Each structure stands twice: as structure tokens, then as C-alpha cells.
Amino acid sequence: ADSVKGRFRISMDNARNTVYLQMNSLKPEDTAVYFCHANLE
């Protein structure tokens, strides 16, 4: 999303079926409930 570019970084460990979201330079506007989503077989 444009609002998080340069501050957040998403990565995936394919072997462990795990996704990460590194959130830096956080702002009060980032306050929210964060939901993980997967599209898979």
C-alpha cells in the first residue's frame, strides 16, 4: 500500500509456510488490527 511503502517490508519463508511483516517508523495512523491472509492449494 502507498501508505506503508518504504516503512514496511514483507517477506516469506517458503519452507516454513510463514510470512513476516517488518513494520518500521510506525505512526499512530498504523494502529489497527492486522490480519494475515493466504491464497493456497
PDB file of all heavy atoms in Angstrom:
ATOM      1  N   ALA A   1       0.840  -1.176   0.000  1.00  0.00           N
ATOM      2  CA  ALA A   1       0.000   0.000   0.000  1.00  0.00           C
ATOM      3  C   ALA A   1       0.886   1.240   0.000  1.00  0.00           C
ATOM      4  O   ALA A   1       1.965   1.243   0.592  1.00  0.00           O
ATOM      5  CB  ALA A   1      -0.913   0.013   1.222  1.00  0.00           C
ATOM      6  N   ASP A   2       0.434   2.291  -0.670  1.00  0.00           N
ATOM      7  CA  ASP A   2       1.234   3.510  -0.751  1.00  0.00           C
ATOM      8  C   ASP A   2       1.591   4.062   0.626  1.00  0.00           C
ATOM      9  O   ASP A   2       2.682   4.609   0.824  1.00  0.00           O
ATOM     10  CB  ASP A   2       0.491   4.581  -1.551  1.00  0.00           C
ATOM     11  CG  ASP A   2       0.433   4.271  -3.036  1.00  0.00           C
ATOM     12  OD1 ASP A   2       1.249   3.462  -3.515  1.00  0.00           O
ATOM     13  OD2 ASP A   2      -0.433   4.849  -3.725  1.00  0.00           O
ATOM     14  N   SER A   3       0.702   3.911   1.577  1.00  0.00           N
ATOM     15  CA  SER A   3       0.898   4.481   2.900  1.00  0.00           C
ATOM     16  C   SER A   3       2.013   3.820   3.703  1.00  0.00           C
ATOM     17  O   SER A   3       2.471   4.384   4.698  1.00  0.00           O
ATOM     18  CB  SER A   3      -0.401   4.419   3.700  1.00  0.00           C
ATOM     19  OG  SER A   3      -0.840   3.085   3.847  1.00  0.00           O
ATOM     20  N   VAL A   4       2.460   2.645   3.278  1.00  0.00           N
ATOM     21  CA  VAL A   4       3.482   1.933   4.038  1.00  0.00           C
ATOM     22  C   VAL A   4       4.765   1.715   3.259  1.00  0.00           C
ATOM     23  O   VAL A   4       5.735   1.180   3.811  1.00  0.00           O
ATOM     24  CB  VAL A   4       2.966   0.575   4.554  1.00  0.00           C
ATOM     25  CG1 VAL A   4       1.673   0.758   5.332  1.00  0.00           C
ATOM     26  CG2 VAL A   4       2.776  -0.411   3.401  1.00  0.00           C
ATOM     27  N   LYS A   5       4.798   2.126   2.014  1.00  0.00           N
ATOM     28  CA  LYS A   5       5.995   1.949   1.198  1.00  0.00           C
ATOM     29  C   LYS A   5       7.191   2.643   1.835  1.00  0.00           C
ATOM     30  O   LYS A   5       7.106   3.785   2.271  1.00  0.00           O
ATOM     31  CB  LYS A   5       5.769   2.497  -0.208  1.00  0.00           C
ATOM     32  CG  LYS A   5       4.873   1.637  -1.076  1.00  0.00           C
ATOM     33  CD  LYS A   5       4.714   2.232  -2.467  1.00  0.00           C
ATOM     34  CE  LYS A   5       3.843   1.363  -3.344  1.00  0.00           C
ATOM     35  NZ  LYS A   5       3.635   1.953  -4.688  1.00  0.00           N
ATOM     36  N   GLY A   6       8.291   1.926   1.887  1.00  0.00           N
ATOM     37  CA  GLY A   6       9.499   2.466   2.479  1.00  0.00           C
ATOM     38  C   GLY A   6       9.598   2.253   3.970  1.00  0.00           C
ATOM     39  O   GLY A   6      10.677   2.419   4.543  1.00  0.00           O
ATOM     40  N   ARG A   7       8.489   1.899   4.617  1.00  0.00           N
ATOM     41  CA  ARG A   7       8.485   1.695   6.061  1.00  0.00           C
ATOM     42  C   ARG A   7       8.264   0.230   6.442  1.00  0.00           C
ATOM     43  O   ARG A   7       8.837  -0.241   7.423  1.00  0.00           O
ATOM     44  CB  ARG A   7       7.407   2.546   6.731  1.00  0.00           C
ATOM     45  CG  ARG A   7       7.588   4.045   6.518  1.00  0.00           C
ATOM     46  CD  ARG A   7       6.614   4.841   7.374  1.00  0.00           C
ATOM     47  NE  ARG A   7       5.226   4.578   7.011  1.00  0.00           N
ATOM     48  CZ  ARG A   7       4.318   4.080   7.848  1.00  0.00           C
ATOM     49  NH1 ARG A   7       4.649   3.789   9.098  1.00  0.00           N
ATOM     50  NH2 ARG A   7       3.070   3.889   7.439  1.00  0.00           N
ATOM     51  N   PHE A   8       7.432  -0.455   5.680  1.00  0.00           N
ATOM     52  CA  PHE A   8       7.122  -1.855   5.952  1.00  0.00           C
ATOM     53  C   PHE A   8       7.814  -2.743   4.923  1.00  0.00           C
ATOM     54  O   PHE A   8       8.018  -2.344   3.768  1.00  0.00           O
ATOM     55  CB  PHE A   8       5.618  -2.117   5.870  1.00  0.00           C
ATOM     56  CG  PHE A   8       4.798  -1.469   6.954  1.00  0.00           C
ATOM     57  CD1 PHE A   8       5.342  -0.525   7.810  1.00  0.00           C
ATOM     58  CD2 PHE A   8       3.469  -1.818   7.104  1.00  0.00           C
ATOM     59  CE1 PHE A   8       4.577   0.065   8.797  1.00  0.00           C
ATOM     60  CE2 PHE A   8       2.693  -1.239   8.085  1.00  0.00           C
ATOM     61  CZ  PHE A   8       3.248  -0.295   8.932  1.00  0.00           C
ATOM     62  N   ARG A   9       8.139  -3.952   5.343  1.00  0.00           N
ATOM     63  CA  ARG A   9       8.724  -4.910   4.431  1.00  0.00           C
ATOM     64  C   ARG A   9       8.134  -6.284   4.687  1.00  0.00           C
ATOM     65  O   ARG A   9       8.155  -6.769   5.819  1.00  0.00           O
ATOM     66  CB  ARG A   9      10.246  -4.956   4.566  1.00  0.00           C
ATOM     67  CG  ARG A   9      10.932  -5.828   3.523  1.00  0.00           C
ATOM     68  CD  ARG A   9      12.446  -5.698   3.603  1.00  0.00           C
ATOM     69  NE  ARG A   9      13.114  -6.387   2.515  1.00  0.00           N
ATOM     70  CZ  ARG A   9      13.468  -7.670   2.550  1.00  0.00           C
ATOM     71  NH1 ARG A   9      13.227  -8.401   3.626  1.00  0.00           N
ATOM     72  NH2 ARG A   9      14.083  -8.217   1.506  1.00  0.00           N
ATOM     73  N   ILE A  10       7.633  -6.907   3.630  1.00  0.00           N
ATOM     74  CA  ILE A  10       7.049  -8.232   3.743  1.00  0.00           C
ATOM     75  C   ILE A  10       8.030  -9.253   3.197  1.00  0.00           C
ATOM     76  O   ILE A  10       8.744  -8.998   2.226  1.00  0.00           O
ATOM     77  CB  ILE A  10       5.697  -8.316   2.998  1.00  0.00           C
ATOM     78  CG1 ILE A  10       4.986  -9.636   3.315  1.00  0.00           C
ATOM     79  CG2 ILE A  10       5.876  -8.140   1.493  1.00  0.00           C
ATOM     80  CD1 ILE A  10       3.537  -9.676   2.821  1.00  0.00           C
ATOM     81  N   SER A  11       8.080 -10.410   3.829  1.00  0.00           N
ATOM     82  CA  SER A  11       8.956 -11.478   3.380  1.00  0.00           C
ATOM     83  C   SER A  11       8.289 -12.815   3.653  1.00  0.00           C
ATOM     84  O   SER A  11       7.339 -12.904   4.440  1.00  0.00           O
ATOM     85  CB  SER A  11      10.319 -11.408   4.070  1.00  0.00           C
ATOM     86  OG  SER A  11      10.189 -11.531   5.473  1.00  0.00           O
ATOM     87  N   MET A  12       8.780 -13.861   3.007  1.00  0.00           N
ATOM     88  CA  MET A  12       8.196 -15.181   3.160  1.00  0.00           C
ATOM     89  C   MET A  12       9.271 -16.236   3.275  1.00  0.00           C
ATOM     90  O   MET A  12      10.266 -16.204   2.552  1.00  0.00           O
ATOM     91  CB  MET A  12       7.279 -15.505   1.974  1.00  0.00           C
ATOM     92  CG  MET A  12       6.614 -16.873   2.050  1.00  0.00           C
ATOM     93  SD  MET A  12       5.727 -17.307   0.527  1.00  0.00           S
ATOM     94  CE  MET A  12       4.447 -16.049   0.523  1.00  0.00           C
ATOM     95  N   ASP A  13       9.061 -17.167   4.180  1.00  0.00           N
ATOM     96  CA  ASP A  13       9.878 -18.355   4.301  1.00  0.00           C
ATOM     97  C   ASP A  13       9.061 -19.487   3.694  1.00  0.00           C
ATOM     98  O   ASP A  13       8.167 -20.037   4.344  1.00  0.00           O
ATOM     99  CB  ASP A  13      10.223 -18.642   5.758  1.00  0.00           C
ATOM    100  CG  ASP A  13      11.164 -19.818   5.922  1.00  0.00           C
ATOM    101  OD1 ASP A  13      11.236 -20.673   5.014  1.00  0.00           O
ATOM    102  OD2 ASP A  13      11.833 -19.901   6.969  1.00  0.00           O
ATOM    103  N   ASN A  14       9.341 -19.815   2.454  1.00  0.00           N
ATOM    104  CA  ASN A  14       8.553 -20.817   1.742  1.00  0.00           C
ATOM    105  C   ASN A  14       8.608 -22.193   2.408  1.00  0.00           C
ATOM    106  O   ASN A  14       7.615 -22.917   2.421  1.00  0.00           O
ATOM    107  CB  ASN A  14       9.026 -20.923   0.298  1.00  0.00           C
ATOM    108  CG  ASN A  14       8.720 -19.689  -0.517  1.00  0.00           C
ATOM    109  OD1 ASN A  14       7.562 -19.323  -0.707  1.00  0.00           O
ATOM    110  ND2 ASN A  14       9.761 -19.030  -1.004  1.00  0.00           N
ATOM    111  N   ALA A  15       9.764 -22.547   2.939  1.00  0.00           N
ATOM    112  CA  ALA A  15       9.920 -23.857   3.560  1.00  0.00           C
ATOM    113  C   ALA A  15       9.052 -24.010   4.801  1.00  0.00           C
ATOM    114  O   ALA A  15       8.635 -25.118   5.139  1.00  0.00           O
ATOM    115  CB  ALA A  15      11.387 -24.109   3.899  1.00  0.00           C
ATOM    116  N   ARG A  16       8.787 -22.907   5.487  1.00  0.00           N
ATOM    117  CA  ARG A  16       8.009 -22.945   6.718  1.00  0.00           C
ATOM    118  C   ARG A  16       6.592 -22.410   6.549  1.00  0.00           C
ATOM    119  O   ARG A  16       5.854 -22.313   7.532  1.00  0.00           O
ATOM    120  CB  ARG A  16       8.729 -22.161   7.811  1.00  0.00           C
ATOM    121  CG  ARG A  16      10.122 -22.690   8.126  1.00  0.00           C
ATOM    122  CD  ARG A  16      10.787 -21.882   9.221  1.00  0.00           C
ATOM    123  NE  ARG A  16      12.166 -22.317   9.436  1.00  0.00           N
ATOM    124  CZ  ARG A  16      12.528 -23.333  10.192  1.00  0.00           C
ATOM    125  NH1 ARG A  16      11.607 -24.056  10.817  1.00  0.00           N
ATOM    126  NH2 ARG A  16      13.806 -23.651  10.317  1.00  0.00           N
ATOM    127  N   ASN A  17       6.228 -22.064   5.318  1.00  0.00           N
ATOM    128  CA  ASN A  17       4.896 -21.512   5.046  1.00  0.00           C
ATOM    129  C   ASN A  17       4.578 -20.349   5.983  1.00  0.00           C
ATOM    130  O   ASN A  17       3.487 -20.265   6.556  1.00  0.00           O
ATOM    131  CB  ASN A  17       3.826 -22.595   5.168  1.00  0.00           C
ATOM    132  CG  ASN A  17       3.973 -23.675   4.118  1.00  0.00           C
ATOM    133  OD1 ASN A  17       4.437 -23.421   3.012  1.00  0.00           O
ATOM    134  ND2 ASN A  17       3.554 -24.889   4.453  1.00  0.00           N
ATOM    135  N   THR A  18       5.545 -19.473   6.116  1.00  0.00           N
ATOM    136  CA  THR A  18       5.423 -18.365   7.047  1.00  0.00           C
ATOM    137  C   THR A  18       5.694 -17.040   6.349  1.00  0.00           C
ATOM    138  O   THR A  18       6.637 -16.929   5.566  1.00  0.00           O
ATOM    139  CB  THR A  18       6.396 -18.532   8.220  1.00  0.00           C
ATOM    140  OG1 THR A  18       6.103 -19.754   8.909  1.00  0.00           O
ATOM    141  CG2 THR A  18       6.270 -17.377   9.198  1.00  0.00           C
ATOM    142  N   VAL A  19       4.868 -16.058   6.649  1.00  0.00           N
ATOM    143  CA  VAL A  19       5.050 -14.720   6.120  1.00  0.00           C
ATOM    144  C   VAL A  19       5.329 -13.771   7.282  1.00  0.00           C
ATOM    145  O   VAL A  19       4.808 -13.946   8.383  1.00  0.00           O
ATOM    146  CB  VAL A  19       3.819 -14.253   5.314  1.00  0.00           C
ATOM    147  CG1 VAL A  19       2.593 -14.107   6.210  1.00  0.00           C
ATOM    148  CG2 VAL A  19       4.113 -12.950   4.584  1.00  0.00           C
ATOM    149  N   TYR A  20       6.162 -12.770   7.022  1.00  0.00           N
ATOM    150  CA  TYR A  20       6.529 -11.794   8.029  1.00  0.00           C
ATOM    151  C   TYR A  20       6.224 -10.388   7.523  1.00  0.00           C
ATOM    152  O   TYR A  20       6.262 -10.121   6.327  1.00  0.00           O
ATOM    153  CB  TYR A  20       8.019 -11.876   8.365  1.00  0.00           C
ATOM    154  CG  TYR A  20       8.480 -13.253   8.768  1.00  0.00           C
ATOM    155  CD1 TYR A  20       8.993 -14.139   7.824  1.00  0.00           C
ATOM    156  CD2 TYR A  20       8.407 -13.671  10.092  1.00  0.00           C
ATOM    157  CE1 TYR A  20       9.417 -15.404   8.193  1.00  0.00           C
ATOM    158  CE2 TYR A  20       8.835 -14.932  10.465  1.00  0.00           C
ATOM    159  CZ  TYR A  20       9.338 -15.792   9.516  1.00  0.00           C
ATOM    160  OH  TYR A  20       9.758 -17.045   9.890  1.00  0.00           O
ATOM    161  N   LEU A  21       5.941  -9.512   8.449  1.00  0.00           N
ATOM    162  CA  LEU A  21       5.776  -8.109   8.122  1.00  0.00           C
ATOM    163  C   LEU A  21       6.593  -7.293   9.112  1.00  0.00           C
ATOM    164  O   LEU A  21       6.235  -7.189  10.282  1.00  0.00           O
ATOM    165  CB  LEU A  21       4.306  -7.685   8.181  1.00  0.00           C
ATOM    166  CG  LEU A  21       4.028  -6.251   7.734  1.00  0.00           C
ATOM    167  CD1 LEU A  21       4.318  -6.085   6.242  1.00  0.00           C
ATOM    168  CD2 LEU A  21       2.580  -5.853   8.041  1.00  0.00           C
ATOM    169  N   GLN A  22       7.693  -6.754   8.624  1.00  0.00           N
ATOM    170  CA  GLN A  22       8.530  -5.882   9.433  1.00  0.00           C
ATOM    171  C   GLN A  22       8.011  -4.462   9.287  1.00  0.00           C
ATOM    172  O   GLN A  22       8.014  -3.912   8.183  1.00  0.00           O
ATOM    173  CB  GLN A  22       9.990  -5.968   8.985  1.00  0.00           C
ATOM    174  CG  GLN A  22      10.939  -5.082   9.776  1.00  0.00           C
ATOM    175  CD  GLN A  22      11.067  -5.506  11.216  1.00  0.00           C
ATOM    176  OE1 GLN A  22      11.217  -6.685  11.490  1.00  0.00           O
ATOM    177  NE2 GLN A  22      11.009  -4.551  12.134  1.00  0.00           N
ATOM    178  N   MET A  23       7.565  -3.877  10.371  1.00  0.00           N
ATOM    179  CA  MET A  23       6.979  -2.548  10.360  1.00  0.00           C
ATOM    180  C   MET A  23       7.898  -1.593  11.108  1.00  0.00           C
ATOM    181  O   MET A  23       8.080  -1.710  12.325  1.00  0.00           O
ATOM    182  CB  MET A  23       5.582  -2.565  10.988  1.00  0.00           C
ATOM    183  CG  MET A  23       4.632  -3.562  10.330  1.00  0.00           C
ATOM    184  SD  MET A  23       2.919  -3.391  10.900  1.00  0.00           S
ATOM    185  CE  MET A  23       3.087  -3.955  12.594  1.00  0.00           C
ATOM    186  N   ASN A  24       8.461  -0.654  10.380  1.00  0.00           N
ATOM    187  CA  ASN A  24       9.368   0.327  10.947  1.00  0.00           C
ATOM    188  C   ASN A  24       8.782   1.727  10.834  1.00  0.00           C
ATOM    189  O   ASN A  24       7.835   1.966  10.088  1.00  0.00           O
ATOM    190  CB  ASN A  24      10.724   0.285  10.237  1.00  0.00           C
ATOM    191  CG  ASN A  24      11.421  -1.048  10.366  1.00  0.00           C
ATOM    192  OD1 ASN A  24      11.378  -1.689  11.413  1.00  0.00           O
ATOM    193  ND2 ASN A  24      12.091  -1.470   9.290  1.00  0.00           N
ATOM    194  N   SER A  25       9.367   2.649  11.575  1.00  0.00           N
ATOM    195  CA  SER A  25       8.933   4.045  11.548  1.00  0.00           C
ATOM    196  C   SER A  25       7.422   4.155  11.720  1.00  0.00           C
ATOM    197  O   SER A  25       6.740   4.870  10.987  1.00  0.00           O
ATOM    198  CB  SER A  25       9.373   4.709  10.240  1.00  0.00           C
ATOM    199  OG  SER A  25      10.776   4.649  10.079  1.00  0.00           O
ATOM    200  N   LEU A  26       6.916   3.462  12.701  1.00  0.00           N
ATOM    201  CA  LEU A  26       5.471   3.375  12.889  1.00  0.00           C
ATOM    202  C   LEU A  26       4.868   4.712  13.296  1.00  0.00           C
ATOM    203  O   LEU A  26       5.473   5.491  14.031  1.00  0.00           O
ATOM    204  CB  LEU A  26       5.137   2.307  13.914  1.00  0.00           C
ATOM    205  CG  LEU A  26       5.269   0.875  13.393  1.00  0.00           C
ATOM    206  CD1 LEU A  26       5.319  -0.116  14.552  1.00  0.00           C
ATOM    207  CD2 LEU A  26       4.116   0.544  12.455  1.00  0.00           C
ATOM    208  N   LYS A  27       3.668   4.937  12.810  1.00  0.00           N
ATOM    209  CA  LYS A  27       2.909   6.143  13.086  1.00  0.00           C
ATOM    210  C   LYS A  27       1.610   5.778  13.790  1.00  0.00           C
ATOM    211  O   LYS A  27       1.123   4.652  13.665  1.00  0.00           O
ATOM    212  CB  LYS A  27       2.584   6.874  11.776  1.00  0.00           C
ATOM    213  CG  LYS A  27       3.784   7.176  10.894  1.00  0.00           C
ATOM    214  CD  LYS A  27       3.342   7.764   9.565  1.00  0.00           C
ATOM    215  CE  LYS A  27       4.525   8.048   8.666  1.00  0.00           C
ATOM    216  NZ  LYS A  27       4.098   8.601   7.347  1.00  0.00           N
ATOM    217  N   PRO A  28       1.020   6.714  14.524  1.00  0.00           N
ATOM    218  CA  PRO A  28      -0.274   6.423  15.156  1.00  0.00           C
ATOM    219  C   PRO A  28      -1.324   5.949  14.151  1.00  0.00           C
ATOM    220  O   PRO A  28      -2.184   5.136  14.509  1.00  0.00           O
ATOM    221  CB  PRO A  28      -0.667   7.768  15.773  1.00  0.00           C
ATOM    222  CG  PRO A  28       0.642   8.419  16.078  1.00  0.00           C
ATOM    223  CD  PRO A  28       1.543   8.019  14.937  1.00  0.00           C
ATOM    224  N   GLU A  29      -1.241   6.428  12.926  1.00  0.00           N
ATOM    225  CA  GLU A  29      -2.181   6.027  11.892  1.00  0.00           C
ATOM    226  C   GLU A  29      -2.064   4.549  11.526  1.00  0.00           C
ATOM    227  O   GLU A  29      -2.957   4.002  10.868  1.00  0.00           O
ATOM    228  CB  GLU A  29      -1.990   6.869  10.622  1.00  0.00           C
ATOM    229  CG  GLU A  29      -2.019   8.372  10.858  1.00  0.00           C
ATOM    230  CD  GLU A  29      -0.641   8.939  11.112  1.00  0.00           C
ATOM    231  OE1 GLU A  29       0.038   9.317  10.137  1.00  0.00           O
ATOM    232  OE2 GLU A  29      -0.241   9.012  12.295  1.00  0.00           O
ATOM    233  N   ASP A  30      -0.979   3.910  11.920  1.00  0.00           N
ATOM    234  CA  ASP A  30      -0.802   2.486  11.653  1.00  0.00           C
ATOM    235  C   ASP A  30      -1.540   1.611  12.657  1.00  0.00           C
ATOM    236  O   ASP A  30      -1.592   0.391  12.491  1.00  0.00           O
ATOM    237  CB  ASP A  30       0.686   2.116  11.666  1.00  0.00           C
ATOM    238  CG  ASP A  30       1.468   2.795  10.556  1.00  0.00           C
ATOM    239  OD1 ASP A  30       0.974   2.825   9.407  1.00  0.00           O
ATOM    240  OD2 ASP A  30       2.573   3.296  10.835  1.00  0.00           O
ATOM    241  N   THR A  31      -2.078   2.214  13.695  1.00  0.00           N
ATOM    242  CA  THR A  31      -2.817   1.461  14.701  1.00  0.00           C
ATOM    243  C   THR A  31      -4.010   0.767  14.061  1.00  0.00           C
ATOM    244  O   THR A  31      -4.858   1.411  13.440  1.00  0.00           O
ATOM    245  CB  THR A  31      -3.292   2.373  15.828  1.00  0.00           C
ATOM    246  OG1 THR A  31      -2.160   2.926  16.507  1.00  0.00           O
ATOM    247  CG2 THR A  31      -4.143   1.599  16.832  1.00  0.00           C
ATOM    248  N   ALA A  32      -4.069  -0.540  14.212  1.00  0.00           N
ATOM    249  CA  ALA A  32      -5.126  -1.317  13.579  1.00  0.00           C
ATOM    250  C   ALA A  32      -5.017  -2.769  14.018  1.00  0.00           C
ATOM    251  O   ALA A  32      -4.046  -3.173  14.664  1.00  0.00           O
ATOM    252  CB  ALA A  32      -5.018  -1.234  12.054  1.00  0.00           C
ATOM    253  N   VAL A  33      -6.027  -3.528  13.663  1.00  0.00           N
ATOM    254  CA  VAL A  33      -5.943  -4.972  13.768  1.00  0.00           C
ATOM    255  C   VAL A  33      -5.389  -5.481  12.449  1.00  0.00           C
ATOM    256  O   VAL A  33      -5.930  -5.174  11.384  1.00  0.00           O
ATOM    257  CB  VAL A  33      -7.309  -5.619  14.055  1.00  0.00           C
ATOM    258  CG1 VAL A  33      -7.180  -7.135  14.103  1.00  0.00           C
ATOM    259  CG2 VAL A  33      -7.872  -5.090  15.362  1.00  0.00           C
ATOM    260  N   TYR A  34      -4.328  -6.233  12.523  1.00  0.00           N
ATOM    261  CA  TYR A  34      -3.678  -6.752  11.331  1.00  0.00           C
ATOM    262  C   TYR A  34      -4.063  -8.214  11.120  1.00  0.00           C
ATOM    263  O   TYR A  34      -3.956  -9.030  12.033  1.00  0.00           O
ATOM    264  CB  TYR A  34      -2.157  -6.619  11.455  1.00  0.00           C
ATOM    265  CG  TYR A  34      -1.685  -5.192  11.295  1.00  0.00           C
ATOM    266  CD1 TYR A  34      -1.832  -4.276  12.327  1.00  0.00           C
ATOM    267  CD2 TYR A  34      -1.114  -4.757  10.097  1.00  0.00           C
ATOM    268  CE1 TYR A  34      -1.427  -2.961  12.174  1.00  0.00           C
ATOM    269  CE2 TYR A  34      -0.703  -3.448   9.939  1.00  0.00           C
ATOM    270  CZ  TYR A  34      -0.860  -2.554  10.974  1.00  0.00           C
ATOM    271  OH  TYR A  34      -0.454  -1.244  10.821  1.00  0.00           O
ATOM    272  N   PHE A  35      -4.507  -8.514   9.914  1.00  0.00           N
ATOM    273  CA  PHE A  35      -4.961  -9.852   9.565  1.00  0.00           C
ATOM    274  C   PHE A  35      -4.048 -10.477   8.527  1.00  0.00           C
ATOM    275  O   PHE A  35      -3.727  -9.859   7.515  1.00  0.00           O
ATOM    276  CB  PHE A  35      -6.384  -9.816   8.998  1.00  0.00           C
ATOM    277  CG  PHE A  35      -7.426  -9.369   9.984  1.00  0.00           C
ATOM    278  CD1 PHE A  35      -7.744  -8.029  10.124  1.00  0.00           C
ATOM    279  CD2 PHE A  35      -8.095 -10.295  10.762  1.00  0.00           C
ATOM    280  CE1 PHE A  35      -8.708  -7.609  11.024  1.00  0.00           C
ATOM    281  CE2 PHE A  35      -9.065  -9.898  11.668  1.00  0.00           C
ATOM    282  CZ  PHE A  35      -9.372  -8.551  11.796  1.00  0.00           C
ATOM    283  N   CYS A  36      -3.679 -11.705   8.769  1.00  0.00           N
ATOM    284  CA  CYS A  36      -2.913 -12.471   7.801  1.00  0.00           C
ATOM    285  C   CYS A  36      -3.859 -13.127   6.802  1.00  0.00           C
ATOM    286  O   CYS A  36      -4.951 -13.563   7.164  1.00  0.00           O
ATOM    287  CB  CYS A  36      -2.089 -13.537   8.526  1.00  0.00           C
ATOM    288  SG  CYS A  36      -1.101 -14.591   7.434  1.00  0.00           S
ATOM    289  N   HIS A  37      -3.433 -13.189   5.563  1.00  0.00           N
ATOM    290  CA  HIS A  37      -4.221 -13.818   4.512  1.00  0.00           C
ATOM    291  C   HIS A  37      -3.336 -14.733   3.675  1.00  0.00           C
ATOM    292  O   HIS A  37      -2.164 -14.424   3.441  1.00  0.00           O
ATOM    293  CB  HIS A  37      -4.858 -12.760   3.612  1.00  0.00           C
ATOM    294  CG  HIS A  37      -5.480 -13.324   2.376  1.00  0.00           C
ATOM    295  ND1 HIS A  37      -4.820 -13.353   1.157  1.00  0.00           N
ATOM    296  CD2 HIS A  37      -6.692 -13.903   2.167  1.00  0.00           C
ATOM    297  CE1 HIS A  37      -5.603 -13.910   0.255  1.00  0.00           C
ATOM    298  NE2 HIS A  37      -6.737 -14.255   0.838  1.00  0.00           N
ATOM    299  N   ALA A  38      -3.908 -15.837   3.239  1.00  0.00           N
ATOM    300  CA  ALA A  38      -3.183 -16.744   2.366  1.00  0.00           C
ATOM    301  C   ALA A  38      -4.096 -17.252   1.272  1.00  0.00           C
ATOM    302  O   ALA A  38      -5.280 -17.515   1.500  1.00  0.00           O
ATOM    303  CB  ALA A  38      -2.602 -17.920   3.146  1.00  0.00           C
ATOM    304  N   ASN A  39      -3.550 -17.377   0.092  1.00  0.00           N
ATOM    305  CA  ASN A  39      -4.229 -17.989  -1.043  1.00  0.00           C
ATOM    306  C   ASN A  39      -3.388 -19.196  -1.414  1.00  0.00           C
ATOM    307  O   ASN A  39      -2.236 -19.048  -1.817  1.00  0.00           O
ATOM    308  CB  ASN A  39      -4.341 -16.997  -2.196  1.00  0.00           C
ATOM    309  CG  ASN A  39      -5.011 -17.593  -3.417  1.00  0.00           C
ATOM    310  OD1 ASN A  39      -4.347 -17.948  -4.388  1.00  0.00           O
ATOM    311  ND2 ASN A  39      -6.333 -17.695  -3.372  1.00  0.00           N
ATOM    312  N   LEU A  40      -3.952 -20.396  -1.272  1.00  0.00           N
ATOM    313  CA  LEU A  40      -3.134 -21.590  -1.403  1.00  0.00           C
ATOM    314  C   LEU A  40      -3.919 -22.797  -1.883  1.00  0.00           C
ATOM    315  O   LEU A  40      -5.153 -22.803  -1.907  1.00  0.00           O
ATOM    316  CB  LEU A  40      -2.461 -21.905  -0.053  1.00  0.00           C
ATOM    317  CG  LEU A  40      -3.354 -21.970   1.189  1.00  0.00           C
ATOM    318  CD1 LEU A  40      -4.062 -23.312   1.288  1.00  0.00           C
ATOM    319  CD2 LEU A  40      -2.533 -21.707   2.441  1.00  0.00           C
ATOM    320  N   GLU A  41      -3.172 -23.819  -2.250  1.00  0.00           N
ATOM    321  CA  GLU A  41      -3.736 -25.102  -2.621  1.00  0.00           C
ATOM    322  C   GLU A  41      -3.726 -26.031  -1.420  1.00  0.00           C
ATOM    323  O   GLU A  41      -2.795 -26.008  -0.616  1.00  0.00           O
ATOM    324  CB  GLU A  41      -2.936 -25.741  -3.752  1.00  0.00           C
ATOM    325  CG  GLU A  41      -3.041 -25.038  -5.094  1.00  0.00           C
ATOM    326  CD  GLU A  41      -2.153 -25.680  -6.138  1.00  0.00           C
ATOM    327  OE1 GLU A  41      -0.926 -25.440  -6.095  1.00  0.00           O
ATOM    328  OE2 GLU A  41      -2.677 -26.436  -6.980  1.00  0.00           O
TER     329      GLU A  41
END
